[in-house]
Amino acid sequence: MKPDPAGTIPESDEAAEEAALVRRIVAGEGHRYSVLVERYQRRLYWSCLRVVGDPDEAEDVVQEAFVRAYERLGDFDPTHRFYTWIYRIARNRCLNVLRRRRVWGLVTLSDPDQAPPLPAAERSDRPAEDHELARALVDCRANLPGDQREVFDLRHADGLSYREIAAAVGAPEGTVMSRLARAREKMRACLESKGVTGPMSA
């Protein structure tokens, strides 16, 4: 699977469009659910892979999440984007995977060659420098506490807003901002200690 490019639809417009789509699905047009699956399947896969660290388990979690979401479409909150909602469902299943392994914390990928691509703002036309930055980012990210790593990923890899992250992880927006600020500070210090710099902007 490959990550989807970031969408360009404004958050409010996308939420309204998806709310209308969900209403049609709940009303009996079940075949339209494929629109949401195709829109978010690959993005959710990469989010789950960053948590469980295993491609097969990530695939299983994504399938289970979409099935569970379909069964619970009547509970969907139309004030949020569908991805925020299904991410919470998938996140709970990812944590169950980790509990089954008796691992407490979020598992990260150790090979930068297998890690999700950097956000567009962190790419360049210099492969050697990009590879060095990617390796440093993976190493530094592995040192973040699980809660900080999660919001860092959701902001920088998934491009979610603070409001969406708060809804996804079930924490107040202020808590999300605080975790993200600490994560960025630690990432910046770690990268500087390795002699590598990378943008940690909002």
N, C-alpha and C. Protein backbone atom coordinates (compact mmCIF):
# COMPACT_ATOMS: atom_id res chain seq x y z
N MET A 1 0.83 -1.19 0.00
CA MET A 1 0.00 0.00 0.00
C MET A 1 0.87 1.25 0.00
N LYS A 2 0.39 2.30 -0.65
CA LYS A 2 1.09 3.55 -0.68
C LYS A 2 0.21 4.62 -0.04
N PRO A 3 0.86 5.61 0.64
CA PRO A 3 0.06 6.64 1.30
C PRO A 3 -0.61 7.54 0.29
N ASP A 4 -1.81 7.99 0.63
CA ASP A 4 -2.52 8.92 -0.23
C ASP A 4 -1.96 10.32 -0.04
N PRO A 5 -1.98 11.15 -1.07
CA PRO A 5 -1.58 12.54 -0.90
C PRO A 5 -2.61 13.25 -0.04
N ALA A 6 -2.17 14.32 0.60
CA ALA A 6 -3.08 15.07 1.47
C ALA A 6 -4.22 15.65 0.65
N GLY A 7 -5.44 15.61 1.23
CA GLY A 7 -6.59 16.15 0.52
C GLY A 7 -6.57 17.67 0.52
N THR A 8 -7.34 18.25 -0.38
CA THR A 8 -7.38 19.69 -0.49
C THR A 8 -8.75 20.25 -0.12
N ILE A 9 -9.70 19.38 0.25
CA ILE A 9 -11.03 19.83 0.61
C ILE A 9 -11.00 20.44 2.01
N PRO A 10 -11.53 21.65 2.20
CA PRO A 10 -11.56 22.25 3.54
C PRO A 10 -12.25 21.31 4.52
N GLU A 11 -11.79 21.36 5.77
CA GLU A 11 -12.29 20.43 6.78
C GLU A 11 -13.81 20.49 6.92
N SER A 12 -14.38 21.70 6.99
CA SER A 12 -15.82 21.83 7.17
C SER A 12 -16.59 21.29 5.98
N ASP A 13 -16.11 21.56 4.77
CA ASP A 13 -16.78 21.08 3.57
C ASP A 13 -16.70 19.56 3.47
N GLU A 14 -15.54 19.02 3.83
CA GLU A 14 -15.37 17.57 3.77
C GLU A 14 -16.27 16.89 4.79
N ALA A 15 -16.36 17.46 5.99
CA ALA A 15 -17.22 16.88 7.02
C ALA A 15 -18.68 16.88 6.56
N ALA A 16 -19.10 17.96 5.93
CA ALA A 16 -20.48 18.04 5.44
C ALA A 16 -20.74 17.03 4.33
N GLU A 17 -19.78 16.90 3.42
CA GLU A 17 -19.93 15.95 2.31
C GLU A 17 -19.99 14.52 2.83
N GLU A 18 -19.16 14.21 3.82
CA GLU A 18 -19.13 12.86 4.36
C GLU A 18 -20.37 12.58 5.20
N ALA A 19 -20.86 13.58 5.90
CA ALA A 19 -22.08 13.40 6.68
C ALA A 19 -23.24 13.05 5.76
N ALA A 20 -23.33 13.73 4.62
CA ALA A 20 -24.38 13.45 3.65
C ALA A 20 -24.22 12.04 3.08
N LEU A 21 -22.97 11.66 2.84
CA LEU A 21 -22.71 10.32 2.30
C LEU A 21 -23.11 9.24 3.30
N VAL A 22 -22.76 9.45 4.57
CA VAL A 22 -23.11 8.48 5.60
C VAL A 22 -24.63 8.36 5.73
N ARG A 23 -25.33 9.47 5.65
CA ARG A 23 -26.80 9.41 5.74
C ARG A 23 -27.38 8.55 4.61
N ARG A 24 -26.81 8.67 3.43
CA ARG A 24 -27.30 7.87 2.30
C ARG A 24 -27.00 6.39 2.51
N ILE A 25 -25.83 6.10 3.08
CA ILE A 25 -25.46 4.71 3.35
C ILE A 25 -26.41 4.11 4.39
N VAL A 26 -26.63 4.84 5.47
CA VAL A 26 -27.52 4.37 6.53
C VAL A 26 -28.94 4.19 6.02
N ALA A 27 -29.31 5.02 5.06
CA ALA A 27 -30.67 4.96 4.49
C ALA A 27 -30.86 3.79 3.54
N GLY A 28 -29.80 3.06 3.27
CA GLY A 28 -29.94 1.87 2.43
C GLY A 28 -29.01 1.78 1.24
N GLU A 29 -28.22 2.81 1.00
CA GLU A 29 -27.31 2.79 -0.15
C GLU A 29 -25.93 2.29 0.30
N GLY A 30 -25.92 1.06 0.76
CA GLY A 30 -24.70 0.49 1.32
C GLY A 30 -23.52 0.45 0.37
N HIS A 31 -23.79 0.38 -0.94
CA HIS A 31 -22.70 0.30 -1.90
C HIS A 31 -21.83 1.56 -1.88
N ARG A 32 -22.37 2.67 -1.37
CA ARG A 32 -21.61 3.91 -1.33
C ARG A 32 -20.53 3.90 -0.25
N TYR A 33 -20.55 2.91 0.62
CA TYR A 33 -19.51 2.83 1.65
C TYR A 33 -18.14 2.65 1.01
N SER A 34 -18.09 2.09 -0.18
CA SER A 34 -16.81 1.89 -0.86
C SER A 34 -16.10 3.22 -1.11
N VAL A 35 -16.86 4.31 -1.21
CA VAL A 35 -16.24 5.63 -1.40
C VAL A 35 -15.36 5.97 -0.20
N LEU A 36 -15.86 5.72 0.99
CA LEU A 36 -15.10 6.01 2.20
C LEU A 36 -13.94 5.04 2.37
N VAL A 37 -14.15 3.79 2.01
CA VAL A 37 -13.07 2.80 2.11
C VAL A 37 -11.93 3.19 1.18
N GLU A 38 -12.25 3.50 -0.05
CA GLU A 38 -11.21 3.86 -1.02
C GLU A 38 -10.51 5.16 -0.63
N ARG A 39 -11.25 6.06 -0.02
CA ARG A 39 -10.67 7.36 0.36
C ARG A 39 -9.66 7.23 1.49
N TYR A 40 -9.93 6.35 2.45
CA TYR A 40 -9.13 6.33 3.67
C TYR A 40 -8.39 5.03 3.97
N GLN A 41 -8.57 4.01 3.17
CA GLN A 41 -7.98 2.72 3.50
C GLN A 41 -6.46 2.78 3.60
N ARG A 42 -5.83 3.34 2.60
CA ARG A 42 -4.36 3.37 2.61
C ARG A 42 -3.82 4.31 3.68
N ARG A 43 -4.48 5.43 3.89
CA ARG A 43 -4.05 6.36 4.93
C ARG A 43 -4.17 5.71 6.31
N LEU A 44 -5.26 5.00 6.55
CA LEU A 44 -5.45 4.34 7.84
C LEU A 44 -4.43 3.21 8.02
N TYR A 45 -4.11 2.55 6.92
CA TYR A 45 -3.11 1.48 6.98
C TYR A 45 -1.78 2.02 7.51
N TRP A 46 -1.32 3.14 6.96
CA TRP A 46 -0.04 3.70 7.40
C TRP A 46 -0.11 4.15 8.85
N SER A 47 -1.24 4.69 9.26
CA SER A 47 -1.39 5.08 10.66
C SER A 47 -1.27 3.87 11.57
N CYS A 48 -1.93 2.78 11.19
CA CYS A 48 -1.90 1.56 12.00
C CYS A 48 -0.51 0.92 11.96
N LEU A 49 0.14 0.98 10.81
CA LEU A 49 1.48 0.39 10.71
C LEU A 49 2.45 1.10 11.63
N ARG A 50 2.32 2.41 11.76
CA ARG A 50 3.21 3.13 12.67
C ARG A 50 2.98 2.71 14.12
N VAL A 51 1.79 2.22 14.43
CA VAL A 51 1.49 1.80 15.80
C VAL A 51 1.92 0.37 16.05
N VAL A 52 1.50 -0.55 15.20
CA VAL A 52 1.75 -1.98 15.46
C VAL A 52 3.06 -2.46 14.87
N GLY A 53 3.59 -1.75 13.85
CA GLY A 53 4.88 -2.10 13.30
C GLY A 53 4.92 -3.36 12.46
N ASP A 54 3.77 -3.96 12.16
CA ASP A 54 3.73 -5.19 11.39
C ASP A 54 2.71 -5.03 10.26
N PRO A 55 3.13 -5.18 9.00
CA PRO A 55 2.22 -4.96 7.86
C PRO A 55 0.97 -5.84 7.88
N ASP A 56 1.13 -7.11 8.19
CA ASP A 56 -0.03 -8.01 8.19
C ASP A 56 -1.03 -7.64 9.28
N GLU A 57 -0.51 -7.33 10.47
CA GLU A 57 -1.41 -6.94 11.55
C GLU A 57 -2.08 -5.61 11.25
N ALA A 58 -1.35 -4.71 10.62
CA ALA A 58 -1.95 -3.42 10.24
C ALA A 58 -3.08 -3.63 9.25
N GLU A 59 -2.88 -4.52 8.28
CA GLU A 59 -3.93 -4.84 7.30
C GLU A 59 -5.17 -5.39 8.02
N ASP A 60 -4.94 -6.30 8.96
CA ASP A 60 -6.06 -6.91 9.69
C ASP A 60 -6.83 -5.86 10.48
N VAL A 61 -6.10 -4.98 11.14
CA VAL A 61 -6.74 -3.93 11.94
C VAL A 61 -7.59 -3.03 11.07
N VAL A 62 -7.07 -2.66 9.90
CA VAL A 62 -7.80 -1.77 9.00
C VAL A 62 -9.09 -2.43 8.53
N GLN A 63 -9.02 -3.70 8.16
CA GLN A 63 -10.22 -4.41 7.72
C GLN A 63 -11.25 -4.48 8.84
N GLU A 64 -10.79 -4.81 10.04
CA GLU A 64 -11.70 -4.89 11.19
C GLU A 64 -12.33 -3.53 11.48
N ALA A 65 -11.51 -2.48 11.35
CA ALA A 65 -12.01 -1.13 11.65
C ALA A 65 -13.11 -0.72 10.67
N PHE A 66 -12.92 -1.01 9.40
CA PHE A 66 -13.93 -0.63 8.42
C PHE A 66 -15.22 -1.45 8.60
N VAL A 67 -15.08 -2.70 8.96
CA VAL A 67 -16.26 -3.52 9.23
C VAL A 67 -17.00 -2.98 10.44
N ARG A 68 -16.26 -2.70 11.50
CA ARG A 68 -16.86 -2.19 12.73
C ARG A 68 -17.51 -0.82 12.48
N ALA A 69 -16.84 0.02 11.71
CA ALA A 69 -17.38 1.35 11.42
C ALA A 69 -18.69 1.23 10.64
N TYR A 70 -18.74 0.29 9.70
CA TYR A 70 -19.96 0.11 8.91
C TYR A 70 -21.12 -0.31 9.81
N GLU A 71 -20.81 -1.19 10.76
CA GLU A 71 -21.84 -1.67 11.68
C GLU A 71 -22.35 -0.56 12.60
N ARG A 72 -21.52 0.46 12.80
CA ARG A 72 -21.86 1.53 13.75
C ARG A 72 -22.09 2.88 13.07
N LEU A 73 -22.36 2.88 11.78
CA LEU A 73 -22.52 4.13 11.06
C LEU A 73 -23.61 5.03 11.67
N GLY A 74 -24.60 4.40 12.29
CA GLY A 74 -25.65 5.19 12.92
C GLY A 74 -25.15 6.04 14.08
N ASP A 75 -23.97 5.71 14.62
CA ASP A 75 -23.39 6.46 15.74
C ASP A 75 -22.43 7.55 15.26
N PHE A 76 -22.21 7.64 13.96
CA PHE A 76 -21.24 8.60 13.42
C PHE A 76 -21.65 10.03 13.76
N ASP A 77 -20.70 10.82 14.25
CA ASP A 77 -20.93 12.23 14.58
C ASP A 77 -20.64 13.08 13.34
N PRO A 78 -21.65 13.66 12.72
CA PRO A 78 -21.45 14.39 11.47
C PRO A 78 -20.66 15.69 11.61
N THR A 79 -20.33 16.08 12.84
CA THR A 79 -19.53 17.30 13.00
C THR A 79 -18.05 17.03 12.81
N HIS A 80 -17.67 15.76 12.68
CA HIS A 80 -16.27 15.39 12.48
C HIS A 80 -16.09 14.72 11.13
N ARG A 81 -14.86 14.68 10.67
CA ARG A 81 -14.57 13.95 9.45
C ARG A 81 -14.62 12.44 9.75
N PHE A 82 -14.93 11.68 8.73
CA PHE A 82 -15.04 10.23 8.90
C PHE A 82 -13.70 9.64 9.34
N TYR A 83 -12.60 10.17 8.80
CA TYR A 83 -11.30 9.61 9.15
C TYR A 83 -11.01 9.72 10.64
N THR A 84 -11.37 10.84 11.23
CA THR A 84 -11.15 11.01 12.67
C THR A 84 -11.89 9.94 13.46
N TRP A 85 -13.09 9.65 13.03
CA TRP A 85 -13.92 8.65 13.72
C TRP A 85 -13.37 7.25 13.54
N ILE A 86 -13.05 6.88 12.31
CA ILE A 86 -12.57 5.51 12.08
C ILE A 86 -11.17 5.32 12.64
N TYR A 87 -10.40 6.39 12.73
CA TYR A 87 -9.08 6.28 13.34
C TYR A 87 -9.21 5.85 14.80
N ARG A 88 -10.20 6.40 15.50
CA ARG A 88 -10.39 6.02 16.90
C ARG A 88 -10.73 4.53 17.02
N ILE A 89 -11.54 4.04 16.10
CA ILE A 89 -11.89 2.62 16.10
C ILE A 89 -10.64 1.78 15.85
N ALA A 90 -9.86 2.17 14.84
CA ALA A 90 -8.65 1.41 14.50
C ALA A 90 -7.61 1.52 15.62
N ARG A 91 -7.53 2.67 16.23
CA ARG A 91 -6.56 2.88 17.30
C ARG A 91 -6.81 1.91 18.45
N ASN A 92 -8.07 1.74 18.83
CA ASN A 92 -8.38 0.81 19.91
C ASN A 92 -7.97 -0.61 19.56
N ARG A 93 -8.14 -0.97 18.29
CA ARG A 93 -7.74 -2.31 17.87
C ARG A 93 -6.23 -2.46 17.82
N CYS A 94 -5.54 -1.40 17.44
CA CYS A 94 -4.08 -1.44 17.47
C CYS A 94 -3.57 -1.65 18.88
N LEU A 95 -4.17 -0.95 19.83
CA LEU A 95 -3.76 -1.11 21.22
C LEU A 95 -4.04 -2.52 21.73
N ASN A 96 -5.12 -3.13 21.23
CA ASN A 96 -5.41 -4.51 21.60
C ASN A 96 -4.33 -5.44 21.08
N VAL A 97 -3.83 -5.16 19.87
CA VAL A 97 -2.74 -5.95 19.30
C VAL A 97 -1.51 -5.87 20.19
N LEU A 98 -1.20 -4.67 20.64
CA LEU A 98 -0.03 -4.49 21.49
C LEU A 98 -0.21 -5.18 22.84
N ARG A 99 -1.43 -5.14 23.35
CA ARG A 99 -1.67 -5.82 24.63
C ARG A 99 -1.49 -7.32 24.48
N ARG A 100 -1.93 -7.85 23.35
CA ARG A 100 -1.76 -9.28 23.13
C ARG A 100 -0.28 -9.65 23.08
N ARG A 101 0.53 -8.75 22.62
CA ARG A 101 1.97 -9.01 22.59
C ARG A 101 2.62 -8.74 23.94
N ARG A 102 1.81 -8.21 24.86
CA ARG A 102 2.33 -7.82 26.18
C ARG A 102 3.38 -6.73 26.02
N VAL A 103 3.14 -5.84 25.08
CA VAL A 103 4.01 -4.68 24.89
C VAL A 103 3.23 -3.45 25.29
N TRP A 104 3.77 -2.68 26.21
CA TRP A 104 3.08 -1.48 26.66
C TRP A 104 3.78 -0.28 26.07
N GLY A 105 3.17 0.31 25.07
CA GLY A 105 3.75 1.43 24.37
C GLY A 105 3.54 1.24 22.88
N LEU A 106 3.82 2.25 22.09
CA LEU A 106 3.61 2.19 20.66
C LEU A 106 4.88 1.72 19.99
N VAL A 107 4.79 0.69 19.16
CA VAL A 107 5.93 0.12 18.47
C VAL A 107 6.21 0.95 17.23
N THR A 108 7.49 1.22 16.95
CA THR A 108 7.84 2.00 15.78
C THR A 108 8.62 1.17 14.79
N LEU A 109 8.63 1.61 13.56
CA LEU A 109 9.44 0.97 12.54
C LEU A 109 10.90 1.31 12.79
N SER A 110 11.78 0.34 12.64
CA SER A 110 13.19 0.59 12.89
C SER A 110 13.97 0.83 11.61
N ASP A 111 13.39 0.53 10.46
CA ASP A 111 14.09 0.68 9.20
C ASP A 111 13.53 1.88 8.44
N PRO A 112 14.31 2.96 8.28
CA PRO A 112 13.79 4.13 7.59
C PRO A 112 13.43 3.87 6.14
N ASP A 113 14.02 2.82 5.54
CA ASP A 113 13.67 2.49 4.16
C ASP A 113 12.25 1.96 4.05
N GLN A 114 11.71 1.44 5.16
CA GLN A 114 10.35 0.89 5.17
C GLN A 114 9.35 1.84 5.81
N ALA A 115 9.84 2.96 6.34
CA ALA A 115 8.96 3.90 7.01
C ALA A 115 8.15 4.69 5.99
N PRO A 116 6.97 5.21 6.40
CA PRO A 116 6.17 6.05 5.51
C PRO A 116 6.99 7.24 5.04
N PRO A 117 6.75 7.73 3.83
CA PRO A 117 7.50 8.87 3.31
C PRO A 117 7.35 10.10 4.18
N LEU A 118 8.33 10.98 4.10
CA LEU A 118 8.26 12.23 4.84
C LEU A 118 7.17 13.10 4.27
N PRO A 119 6.59 13.99 5.09
CA PRO A 119 5.65 14.96 4.55
C PRO A 119 6.30 15.77 3.45
N ALA A 120 5.49 16.32 2.55
CA ALA A 120 6.02 17.02 1.38
C ALA A 120 6.98 18.14 1.77
N ALA A 121 6.67 18.81 2.88
CA ALA A 121 7.51 19.93 3.30
C ALA A 121 8.91 19.50 3.68
N GLU A 122 9.10 18.19 3.95
CA GLU A 122 10.40 17.71 4.40
C GLU A 122 11.14 16.97 3.29
N ARG A 123 10.58 16.97 2.07
CA ARG A 123 11.24 16.33 0.95
C ARG A 123 12.11 17.34 0.21
N SER A 124 13.09 16.85 -0.52
CA SER A 124 13.91 17.71 -1.35
C SER A 124 14.38 16.90 -2.55
N ASP A 125 15.20 17.51 -3.36
CA ASP A 125 15.75 16.81 -4.52
C ASP A 125 17.13 16.25 -4.21
N ARG A 126 17.43 16.07 -2.95
CA ARG A 126 18.75 15.58 -2.55
C ARG A 126 18.58 14.24 -1.83
N PRO A 127 18.62 13.13 -2.57
CA PRO A 127 18.35 11.81 -1.98
C PRO A 127 19.21 11.49 -0.77
N ALA A 128 20.53 11.79 -0.83
CA ALA A 128 21.41 11.45 0.29
C ALA A 128 20.99 12.17 1.55
N GLU A 129 20.72 13.49 1.41
CA GLU A 129 20.31 14.27 2.57
C GLU A 129 18.95 13.80 3.09
N ASP A 130 18.04 13.46 2.16
CA ASP A 130 16.73 12.96 2.57
C ASP A 130 16.85 11.66 3.35
N HIS A 131 17.72 10.77 2.89
CA HIS A 131 17.88 9.49 3.57
C HIS A 131 18.46 9.69 4.96
N GLU A 132 19.41 10.62 5.06
CA GLU A 132 19.99 10.92 6.37
C GLU A 132 18.95 11.49 7.31
N LEU A 133 18.11 12.40 6.79
CA LEU A 133 17.05 12.99 7.60
C LEU A 133 16.03 11.94 8.00
N ALA A 134 15.67 11.05 7.06
CA ALA A 134 14.68 10.01 7.35
C ALA A 134 15.18 9.10 8.46
N ARG A 135 16.44 8.70 8.37
CA ARG A 135 17.00 7.81 9.41
C ARG A 135 17.02 8.52 10.76
N ALA A 136 17.42 9.79 10.75
CA ALA A 136 17.48 10.54 12.01
C ALA A 136 16.08 10.73 12.59
N LEU A 137 15.09 11.00 11.74
CA LEU A 137 13.73 11.17 12.21
C LEU A 137 13.20 9.89 12.85
N VAL A 138 13.48 8.75 12.21
CA VAL A 138 13.03 7.47 12.76
C VAL A 138 13.68 7.21 14.11
N ASP A 139 14.99 7.45 14.19
CA ASP A 139 15.71 7.21 15.43
C ASP A 139 15.20 8.13 16.55
N CYS A 140 15.01 9.40 16.22
CA CYS A 140 14.57 10.36 17.24
C CYS A 140 13.12 10.10 17.65
N ARG A 141 12.30 9.78 16.66
CA ARG A 141 10.89 9.51 16.93
C ARG A 141 10.73 8.32 17.87
N ALA A 142 11.62 7.33 17.74
CA ALA A 142 11.55 6.14 18.59
C ALA A 142 11.75 6.47 20.06
N ASN A 143 12.38 7.62 20.33
CA ASN A 143 12.65 8.00 21.72
C ASN A 143 11.52 8.80 22.35
N LEU A 144 10.51 9.15 21.56
CA LEU A 144 9.39 9.90 22.12
C LEU A 144 8.48 8.99 22.95
N PRO A 145 7.92 9.49 24.04
CA PRO A 145 6.90 8.72 24.77
C PRO A 145 5.72 8.42 23.84
N GLY A 146 5.01 7.35 24.09
CA GLY A 146 3.94 6.91 23.19
C GLY A 146 2.90 7.97 22.90
N ASP A 147 2.46 8.72 23.93
CA ASP A 147 1.40 9.70 23.70
C ASP A 147 1.89 10.85 22.83
N GLN A 148 3.16 11.24 23.02
CA GLN A 148 3.72 12.31 22.21
C GLN A 148 3.97 11.84 20.78
N ARG A 149 4.42 10.60 20.64
CA ARG A 149 4.69 10.04 19.31
C ARG A 149 3.41 9.97 18.49
N GLU A 150 2.32 9.62 19.16
CA GLU A 150 1.06 9.49 18.44
C GLU A 150 0.59 10.83 17.88
N VAL A 151 0.59 11.87 18.70
CA VAL A 151 0.12 13.17 18.20
C VAL A 151 1.10 13.74 17.18
N PHE A 152 2.38 13.45 17.34
CA PHE A 152 3.37 13.89 16.36
C PHE A 152 3.08 13.26 14.99
N ASP A 153 2.79 11.97 14.99
CA ASP A 153 2.47 11.27 13.74
C ASP A 153 1.18 11.81 13.12
N LEU A 154 0.17 11.99 13.93
CA LEU A 154 -1.12 12.45 13.41
C LEU A 154 -1.02 13.85 12.82
N ARG A 155 -0.14 14.68 13.39
CA ARG A 155 0.02 16.03 12.88
C ARG A 155 0.93 16.07 11.65
N HIS A 156 2.11 15.46 11.76
CA HIS A 156 3.11 15.61 10.72
C HIS A 156 2.98 14.58 9.59
N ALA A 157 2.49 13.40 9.89
CA ALA A 157 2.35 12.39 8.84
C ALA A 157 0.95 12.38 8.25
N ASP A 158 -0.07 12.50 9.11
CA ASP A 158 -1.45 12.45 8.63
C ASP A 158 -2.03 13.83 8.34
N GLY A 159 -1.40 14.88 8.86
CA GLY A 159 -1.85 16.22 8.58
C GLY A 159 -3.15 16.62 9.25
N LEU A 160 -3.50 15.98 10.37
CA LEU A 160 -4.73 16.32 11.06
C LEU A 160 -4.59 17.65 11.80
N SER A 161 -5.69 18.34 11.95
CA SER A 161 -5.70 19.58 12.73
C SER A 161 -5.68 19.21 14.22
N TYR A 162 -5.43 20.22 15.08
CA TYR A 162 -5.44 19.97 16.52
C TYR A 162 -6.81 19.45 16.95
N ARG A 163 -7.84 20.01 16.41
CA ARG A 163 -9.21 19.58 16.76
C ARG A 163 -9.43 18.12 16.37
N GLU A 164 -8.96 17.75 15.19
CA GLU A 164 -9.14 16.37 14.74
C GLU A 164 -8.32 15.40 15.58
N ILE A 165 -7.11 15.80 15.93
CA ILE A 165 -6.27 14.93 16.76
C ILE A 165 -6.92 14.73 18.12
N ALA A 166 -7.45 15.82 18.68
CA ALA A 166 -8.11 15.72 19.99
C ALA A 166 -9.27 14.74 19.92
N ALA A 167 -10.06 14.81 18.85
CA ALA A 167 -11.18 13.89 18.70
C ALA A 167 -10.69 12.46 18.48
N ALA A 168 -9.59 12.30 17.76
CA ALA A 168 -9.07 10.97 17.44
C ALA A 168 -8.52 10.25 18.65
N VAL A 169 -7.82 10.98 19.53
CA VAL A 169 -7.18 10.33 20.67
C VAL A 169 -7.99 10.47 21.95
N GLY A 170 -9.10 11.21 21.89
CA GLY A 170 -9.94 11.36 23.05
C GLY A 170 -9.34 12.19 24.16
N ALA A 171 -8.64 13.26 23.77
CA ALA A 171 -8.01 14.15 24.76
C ALA A 171 -8.39 15.59 24.45
N PRO A 172 -8.35 16.48 25.45
CA PRO A 172 -8.64 17.90 25.19
C PRO A 172 -7.64 18.48 24.19
N GLU A 173 -8.09 19.46 23.43
CA GLU A 173 -7.23 20.07 22.43
C GLU A 173 -5.98 20.67 23.07
N GLY A 174 -6.13 21.26 24.25
CA GLY A 174 -4.98 21.83 24.95
C GLY A 174 -3.94 20.77 25.29
N THR A 175 -4.41 19.59 25.67
CA THR A 175 -3.49 18.49 25.97
C THR A 175 -2.74 18.06 24.72
N VAL A 176 -3.45 18.01 23.60
CA VAL A 176 -2.82 17.65 22.33
C VAL A 176 -1.73 18.65 21.98
N MET A 177 -2.03 19.93 22.11
CA MET A 177 -1.06 20.97 21.78
C MET A 177 0.16 20.88 22.68
N SER A 178 -0.07 20.58 23.95
CA SER A 178 1.04 20.45 24.90
C SER A 178 1.92 19.25 24.55
N ARG A 179 1.28 18.11 24.25
CA ARG A 179 2.05 16.91 23.87
C ARG A 179 2.85 17.15 22.60
N LEU A 180 2.22 17.81 21.64
CA LEU A 180 2.88 18.07 20.37
C LEU A 180 4.05 19.02 20.55
N ALA A 181 3.88 20.04 21.38
CA ALA A 181 4.97 20.98 21.63
C ALA A 181 6.16 20.28 22.26
N ARG A 182 5.89 19.40 23.23
CA ARG A 182 6.99 18.66 23.87
C ARG A 182 7.65 17.71 22.88
N ALA A 183 6.83 17.08 22.03
CA ALA A 183 7.39 16.15 21.04
C ALA A 183 8.29 16.89 20.07
N ARG A 184 7.85 18.05 19.59
CA ARG A 184 8.66 18.83 18.65
C ARG A 184 9.97 19.28 19.28
N GLU A 185 9.88 19.71 20.55
CA GLU A 185 11.08 20.15 21.25
C GLU A 185 12.10 19.01 21.36
N LYS A 186 11.61 17.82 21.71
CA LYS A 186 12.50 16.67 21.84
C LYS A 186 13.05 16.25 20.48
N MET A 187 12.20 16.28 19.45
CA MET A 187 12.67 15.92 18.11
C MET A 187 13.73 16.91 17.63
N ARG A 188 13.50 18.20 17.85
CA ARG A 188 14.45 19.22 17.41
C ARG A 188 15.80 19.02 18.11
N ALA A 189 15.76 18.80 19.42
CA ALA A 189 17.00 18.62 20.18
C ALA A 189 17.73 17.36 19.72
N CYS A 190 16.98 16.30 19.47
CA CYS A 190 17.58 15.04 19.03
C CYS A 190 18.22 15.19 17.66
N LEU A 191 17.51 15.84 16.74
CA LEU A 191 18.05 16.04 15.39
C LEU A 191 19.30 16.91 15.43
N GLU A 192 19.28 17.94 16.26
CA GLU A 192 20.45 18.81 16.36
C GLU A 192 21.64 18.05 16.92
N SER A 193 21.38 17.13 17.85
CA SER A 193 22.48 16.34 18.42
C SER A 193 23.10 15.41 17.39
N LYS A 194 22.33 15.10 16.34
CA LYS A 194 22.83 14.24 15.26
C LYS A 194 23.38 15.06 14.10
N GLY A 195 23.35 16.38 14.26
CA GLY A 195 23.85 17.24 13.20
C GLY A 195 22.92 17.34 12.02
N VAL A 196 21.63 17.03 12.25
CA VAL A 196 20.64 17.08 11.18
C VAL A 196 19.55 18.03 11.59
N THR A 197 19.07 18.83 10.65
CA THR A 197 17.96 19.73 10.94
C THR A 197 16.81 19.42 10.04
N GLY A 198 15.58 19.53 10.59
CA GLY A 198 14.38 19.30 9.80
C GLY A 198 13.26 20.18 10.32
N PRO A 199 12.37 20.61 9.46
CA PRO A 199 11.28 21.51 9.90
C PRO A 199 10.36 20.84 10.89
N MET A 200 10.07 21.51 11.98
CA MET A 200 9.12 21.03 12.98
C MET A 200 8.02 22.06 13.14
N SER A 201 7.57 22.63 12.04
CA SER A 201 6.58 23.69 12.09
C SER A 201 5.20 23.10 12.34
N ALA A 202 4.21 23.99 12.63
CA ALA A 202 2.83 23.57 12.86
C ALA A 202 2.20 23.10 11.59
